[in-house]
N, C-alpha and C. Protein backbone atom coordinates (compact mmCIF):
# COMPACT_ATOMS: atom_id res chain seq x y z
N MET A 1 -10.39 -6.40 29.27
CA MET A 1 -9.93 -7.21 28.18
C MET A 1 -10.63 -6.89 26.86
N PRO A 2 -11.92 -6.48 26.86
CA PRO A 2 -12.55 -6.14 25.58
C PRO A 2 -11.86 -4.98 24.86
N LEU A 3 -11.29 -4.05 25.65
CA LEU A 3 -10.59 -2.93 25.02
C LEU A 3 -9.39 -3.43 24.23
N LEU A 4 -8.69 -4.42 24.75
CA LEU A 4 -7.54 -4.99 24.06
C LEU A 4 -7.97 -5.70 22.78
N GLN A 5 -9.11 -6.38 22.82
CA GLN A 5 -9.61 -7.06 21.63
C GLN A 5 -10.00 -6.05 20.56
N HIS A 6 -10.61 -4.93 20.98
CA HIS A 6 -11.00 -3.90 20.02
C HIS A 6 -9.76 -3.25 19.41
N ALA A 7 -8.74 -3.05 20.21
CA ALA A 7 -7.50 -2.46 19.70
C ALA A 7 -6.83 -3.39 18.70
N GLY A 8 -6.85 -4.69 18.98
CA GLY A 8 -6.28 -5.67 18.06
C GLY A 8 -7.06 -5.73 16.75
N ALA A 9 -8.38 -5.64 16.83
CA ALA A 9 -9.20 -5.64 15.62
C ALA A 9 -8.95 -4.38 14.79
N LEU A 10 -8.82 -3.25 15.45
CA LEU A 10 -8.54 -2.00 14.76
C LEU A 10 -7.17 -2.04 14.09
N LEU A 11 -6.18 -2.58 14.79
CA LEU A 11 -4.85 -2.71 14.22
C LEU A 11 -4.86 -3.62 13.00
N SER A 12 -5.60 -4.72 13.07
CA SER A 12 -5.71 -5.63 11.92
C SER A 12 -6.37 -4.93 10.74
N LEU A 13 -7.39 -4.14 11.00
CA LEU A 13 -8.07 -3.41 9.94
C LEU A 13 -7.12 -2.42 9.27
N VAL A 14 -6.34 -1.72 10.06
CA VAL A 14 -5.37 -0.77 9.51
C VAL A 14 -4.32 -1.50 8.68
N LEU A 15 -3.84 -2.64 9.16
CA LEU A 15 -2.84 -3.39 8.41
C LEU A 15 -3.39 -3.95 7.11
N VAL A 16 -4.64 -4.36 7.11
CA VAL A 16 -5.26 -4.85 5.87
C VAL A 16 -5.39 -3.70 4.87
N PHE A 17 -5.79 -2.52 5.33
CA PHE A 17 -5.89 -1.36 4.45
C PHE A 17 -4.51 -0.99 3.91
N TRP A 18 -3.48 -0.99 4.78
CA TRP A 18 -2.12 -0.67 4.37
C TRP A 18 -1.66 -1.64 3.29
N THR A 19 -1.87 -2.95 3.53
CA THR A 19 -1.42 -3.96 2.59
C THR A 19 -2.15 -3.84 1.26
N GLY A 20 -3.46 -3.61 1.31
CA GLY A 20 -4.22 -3.45 0.08
C GLY A 20 -3.80 -2.23 -0.72
N SER A 21 -3.57 -1.13 -0.04
CA SER A 21 -3.12 0.09 -0.72
C SER A 21 -1.75 -0.10 -1.34
N SER A 22 -0.88 -0.80 -0.64
CA SER A 22 0.46 -1.07 -1.17
C SER A 22 0.41 -1.99 -2.38
N LEU A 23 -0.46 -2.98 -2.33
CA LEU A 23 -0.61 -3.87 -3.49
C LEU A 23 -1.18 -3.12 -4.68
N PHE A 24 -2.10 -2.18 -4.44
CA PHE A 24 -2.61 -1.35 -5.53
C PHE A 24 -1.49 -0.54 -6.16
N ALA A 25 -0.61 0.04 -5.33
CA ALA A 25 0.52 0.81 -5.86
C ALA A 25 1.46 -0.09 -6.65
N LEU A 26 1.64 -1.31 -6.18
CA LEU A 26 2.51 -2.26 -6.88
C LEU A 26 1.95 -2.63 -8.24
N LEU A 27 0.64 -2.81 -8.33
CA LEU A 27 0.02 -3.26 -9.58
C LEU A 27 -0.35 -2.12 -10.53
N HIS A 28 -0.56 -0.92 -10.02
CA HIS A 28 -1.00 0.20 -10.85
C HIS A 28 -0.19 1.46 -10.58
N PRO A 29 1.11 1.46 -10.88
CA PRO A 29 1.93 2.65 -10.56
C PRO A 29 1.55 3.88 -11.38
N GLY A 30 1.05 3.70 -12.59
CA GLY A 30 0.64 4.85 -13.40
C GLY A 30 -0.53 5.60 -12.77
N THR A 31 -1.48 4.86 -12.22
CA THR A 31 -2.62 5.48 -11.56
C THR A 31 -2.17 6.21 -10.30
N VAL A 32 -1.22 5.65 -9.57
CA VAL A 32 -0.70 6.31 -8.37
C VAL A 32 -0.02 7.62 -8.74
N LEU A 33 0.75 7.62 -9.83
CA LEU A 33 1.38 8.86 -10.28
C LEU A 33 0.35 9.90 -10.69
N LEU A 34 -0.71 9.46 -11.38
CA LEU A 34 -1.77 10.38 -11.77
C LEU A 34 -2.47 10.96 -10.55
N LEU A 35 -2.74 10.14 -9.55
CA LEU A 35 -3.36 10.63 -8.32
C LEU A 35 -2.43 11.56 -7.55
N ALA A 36 -1.13 11.31 -7.61
CA ALA A 36 -0.17 12.18 -6.92
C ALA A 36 -0.13 13.56 -7.56
N ARG A 37 -0.44 13.63 -8.87
CA ARG A 37 -0.50 14.92 -9.55
C ARG A 37 -1.84 15.61 -9.34
N GLY A 38 -2.68 15.06 -8.51
CA GLY A 38 -3.98 15.65 -8.23
C GLY A 38 -5.04 15.26 -9.22
N GLY A 39 -4.81 14.18 -9.98
CA GLY A 39 -5.79 13.71 -10.93
C GLY A 39 -5.75 14.47 -12.25
N ARG A 40 -4.80 15.39 -12.39
CA ARG A 40 -4.68 16.16 -13.64
C ARG A 40 -3.67 15.47 -14.54
N ASP A 41 -4.08 15.25 -15.77
CA ASP A 41 -3.17 14.65 -16.73
C ASP A 41 -2.31 15.71 -17.42
N ASP A 42 -2.80 16.93 -17.50
CA ASP A 42 -2.09 18.07 -18.09
C ASP A 42 -1.61 17.79 -19.51
N GLY A 43 -2.24 16.85 -20.19
CA GLY A 43 -1.84 16.53 -21.54
C GLY A 43 -0.53 15.78 -21.63
N LEU A 44 0.02 15.41 -20.52
CA LEU A 44 1.29 14.67 -20.52
C LEU A 44 0.99 13.18 -20.57
N SER A 45 1.24 12.61 -21.72
CA SER A 45 0.96 11.18 -21.85
C SER A 45 2.23 10.35 -21.70
N ARG A 46 3.34 11.01 -21.43
CA ARG A 46 4.59 10.25 -21.30
C ARG A 46 4.63 9.52 -19.96
N ARG A 47 5.20 8.37 -19.98
CA ARG A 47 5.32 7.56 -18.77
C ARG A 47 6.69 7.83 -18.15
N GLU A 48 6.76 7.74 -16.87
CA GLU A 48 8.02 7.95 -16.15
C GLU A 48 8.47 6.62 -15.59
N PRO A 49 9.28 5.87 -16.35
CA PRO A 49 9.65 4.51 -15.91
C PRO A 49 10.42 4.48 -14.60
N ALA A 50 11.24 5.49 -14.34
CA ALA A 50 12.00 5.50 -13.08
C ALA A 50 11.06 5.66 -11.89
N SER A 51 10.09 6.55 -12.03
CA SER A 51 9.13 6.77 -10.95
C SER A 51 8.25 5.55 -10.76
N GLU A 52 7.84 4.92 -11.87
CA GLU A 52 7.00 3.73 -11.76
C GLU A 52 7.76 2.59 -11.10
N GLY A 53 9.04 2.45 -11.42
CA GLY A 53 9.85 1.42 -10.79
C GLY A 53 10.00 1.64 -9.30
N ARG A 54 10.19 2.90 -8.93
CA ARG A 54 10.32 3.22 -7.50
C ARG A 54 9.01 2.95 -6.76
N ILE A 55 7.89 3.30 -7.40
CA ILE A 55 6.59 3.06 -6.78
C ILE A 55 6.34 1.57 -6.64
N ARG A 56 6.70 0.78 -7.66
CA ARG A 56 6.53 -0.67 -7.58
C ARG A 56 7.38 -1.26 -6.45
N LEU A 57 8.62 -0.79 -6.32
CA LEU A 57 9.49 -1.29 -5.26
C LEU A 57 8.95 -0.92 -3.89
N GLN A 58 8.56 0.32 -3.70
CA GLN A 58 8.02 0.74 -2.41
C GLN A 58 6.72 0.03 -2.09
N GLY A 59 5.85 -0.14 -3.09
CA GLY A 59 4.60 -0.86 -2.87
C GLY A 59 4.83 -2.31 -2.50
N GLY A 60 5.80 -2.94 -3.15
CA GLY A 60 6.12 -4.33 -2.83
C GLY A 60 6.67 -4.49 -1.43
N LEU A 61 7.57 -3.60 -1.05
CA LEU A 61 8.15 -3.68 0.29
C LEU A 61 7.12 -3.39 1.38
N MET A 62 6.27 -2.40 1.14
CA MET A 62 5.26 -2.07 2.15
C MET A 62 4.20 -3.16 2.27
N SER A 63 3.82 -3.78 1.14
CA SER A 63 2.84 -4.86 1.23
C SER A 63 3.44 -6.08 1.91
N LEU A 64 4.72 -6.34 1.65
CA LEU A 64 5.40 -7.45 2.34
C LEU A 64 5.45 -7.19 3.84
N ALA A 65 5.76 -5.97 4.23
CA ALA A 65 5.79 -5.63 5.65
C ALA A 65 4.41 -5.79 6.28
N GLY A 66 3.37 -5.37 5.57
CA GLY A 66 2.01 -5.51 6.09
C GLY A 66 1.61 -6.97 6.24
N LEU A 67 1.97 -7.80 5.27
CA LEU A 67 1.65 -9.22 5.36
C LEU A 67 2.39 -9.90 6.51
N ILE A 68 3.64 -9.52 6.70
CA ILE A 68 4.41 -10.09 7.82
C ILE A 68 3.79 -9.68 9.15
N LEU A 69 3.41 -8.41 9.28
CA LEU A 69 2.79 -7.96 10.52
C LEU A 69 1.44 -8.62 10.76
N LEU A 70 0.70 -8.87 9.68
CA LEU A 70 -0.59 -9.57 9.84
C LEU A 70 -0.40 -11.04 10.25
N ALA A 71 0.66 -11.66 9.76
CA ALA A 71 0.91 -13.07 10.06
C ALA A 71 1.67 -13.28 11.36
N LEU A 72 2.20 -12.21 11.93
CA LEU A 72 3.00 -12.32 13.15
C LEU A 72 2.27 -13.01 14.31
N PRO A 73 1.00 -12.70 14.59
CA PRO A 73 0.32 -13.40 15.69
C PRO A 73 0.18 -14.90 15.44
N LEU A 74 0.11 -15.31 14.18
CA LEU A 74 0.01 -16.74 13.88
C LEU A 74 1.34 -17.46 14.15
N LEU A 75 2.43 -16.71 14.04
CA LEU A 75 3.75 -17.31 14.24
C LEU A 75 4.13 -17.43 15.71
N LEU A 76 3.48 -16.65 16.55
CA LEU A 76 3.84 -16.65 17.98
C LEU A 76 3.06 -17.69 18.75
């Protein structure tokens, strides 16, 4: 039974990391785009609103999924 408890704790830790990363993408899409380019700005200061909108949507959906999965044991 301790192995099952450790697996549950590890799964919770992964879900918390997933949810936090998704919330970061939701709140800071410009930083996520900069990191996706390898941290190079290349002198391009223009913002990409379509990409930022897509990142916000994906971050919101993934954080919602993570929160639901974290709350699932409380609902059962």
